[in-house]
Amino acid sequence: YVYLVYAWGGYIFVLNMIAGHAGCLCATGHFTVNLQKSYSLFYVIGTAGAITLPIVKWKPLRDMEHLAAMIAFFGLHYFGILELFRLG
């Protein structure tokens, strides 16, 4: 993701495809804690890396194009909390 930000402007397409895939997995009942961990690492490290590019700056946290990825991030954490209470 960070490489795509630096090399190609279409990184938002890839970001939203991965977010959409994670969302579809949750919607079809295939949520796992490993999905939450892997997407969270992808989103946090990728967003932090994207912010370091001077042209992009704070766009990953402000623009509507990145909203699907942010919704998927918080949605996976919501499902993670539900799973924690269900198992606990």
Protein backbone atom coordinates (compact mmCIF):
# COMPACT_ATOMS: atom_id res chain seq x y z
CA TYR A 1 0.00 0.00 0.00
CA VAL A 2 2.75 2.45 0.90
CA TYR A 3 4.64 1.52 -2.26
CA LEU A 4 1.51 2.12 -4.32
CA VAL A 5 1.11 5.56 -2.77
CA TYR A 6 4.65 6.49 -3.75
CA ALA A 7 4.62 4.86 -7.20
CA TRP A 8 1.08 5.15 -8.52
CA GLY A 9 -1.90 7.40 -7.88
CA GLY A 10 -4.43 4.56 -8.12
CA TYR A 11 -3.63 3.25 -4.66
CA ILE A 12 -7.15 4.18 -3.53
CA PHE A 13 -8.58 1.53 -5.86
CA VAL A 14 -6.43 -1.20 -4.28
CA LEU A 15 -7.18 0.08 -0.78
CA ASN A 16 -10.93 0.01 -1.39
CA MET A 17 -10.79 -3.44 -3.00
CA ILE A 18 -9.06 -4.87 0.09
CA ALA A 19 -11.54 -3.06 2.36
CA GLY A 20 -14.43 -4.39 0.27
CA HIS A 21 -13.07 -7.93 0.50
CA ALA A 22 -12.78 -7.69 4.27
CA GLY A 23 -16.30 -6.27 4.46
CA CYS A 24 -17.70 -9.08 2.30
CA LEU A 25 -16.02 -11.65 4.52
CA CYS A 26 -17.74 -10.14 7.56
CA ALA A 27 -21.08 -9.88 5.79
CA THR A 28 -20.98 -13.56 4.82
CA GLY A 29 -20.11 -14.67 8.35
CA HIS A 30 -16.44 -15.44 7.80
CA PHE A 31 -15.07 -13.00 10.37
CA THR A 32 -12.03 -14.22 12.28
CA VAL A 33 -9.73 -12.51 14.71
CA ASN A 34 -6.89 -13.12 12.25
CA LEU A 35 -8.79 -11.10 9.62
CA GLN A 36 -9.11 -8.27 12.12
CA LYS A 37 -5.42 -8.41 12.99
CA SER A 38 -4.20 -8.54 9.41
CA TYR A 39 -6.48 -5.78 8.11
CA SER A 40 -5.70 -3.60 11.12
CA LEU A 41 -1.96 -3.92 10.49
CA PHE A 42 -2.47 -3.23 6.79
CA TYR A 43 -4.60 -0.16 7.44
CA VAL A 44 -2.53 1.38 10.24
CA ILE A 45 0.89 0.83 8.66
CA GLY A 46 -0.37 1.77 5.19
CA THR A 47 -2.10 4.94 6.35
CA ALA A 48 0.90 5.99 8.42
CA GLY A 49 3.14 5.42 5.40
CA ALA A 50 0.80 7.33 3.09
CA ILE A 51 0.74 10.32 5.41
CA THR A 52 4.53 10.60 5.12
CA LEU A 53 4.30 11.48 1.41
CA PRO A 54 4.22 15.29 1.15
CA ILE A 55 1.67 15.33 -1.67
CA VAL A 56 -0.77 13.05 0.16
CA LYS A 57 -0.32 14.43 3.70
CA TRP A 58 -3.58 14.00 5.68
CA LYS A 59 -5.81 12.93 2.78
CA PRO A 60 -6.19 9.33 4.04
CA LEU A 61 -7.96 10.68 7.12
CA ARG A 62 -9.94 13.47 5.42
CA ASP A 63 -11.11 12.44 1.95
CA MET A 64 -14.26 10.53 1.10
CA GLU A 65 -12.28 8.21 -1.20
CA HIS A 66 -10.67 6.62 1.85
CA LEU A 67 -13.93 6.33 3.79
CA ALA A 68 -14.63 2.71 2.83
CA ALA A 69 -11.27 1.61 4.24
CA MET A 70 -11.89 3.51 7.46
CA ILE A 71 -15.39 2.05 7.82
CA ALA A 72 -13.98 -1.43 7.27
CA PHE A 73 -11.31 -0.76 9.91
CA PHE A 74 -13.79 0.33 12.55
CA GLY A 75 -16.33 -2.31 11.46
CA LEU A 76 -13.80 -5.09 11.93
CA HIS A 77 -13.04 -3.78 15.40
CA TYR A 78 -16.77 -3.73 16.14
CA PHE A 79 -17.05 -7.36 15.07
CA GLY A 80 -13.94 -8.14 17.13
CA ILE A 81 -15.54 -6.68 20.25
CA LEU A 82 -18.73 -8.66 19.59
CA GLU A 83 -16.67 -11.82 19.15
CA LEU A 84 -14.82 -11.11 22.40
CA PHE A 85 -18.08 -10.80 24.34
CA ARG A 86 -19.53 -13.88 22.64
CA LEU A 87 -16.52 -16.01 23.61
CA GLY A 88 -16.06 -14.44 27.04
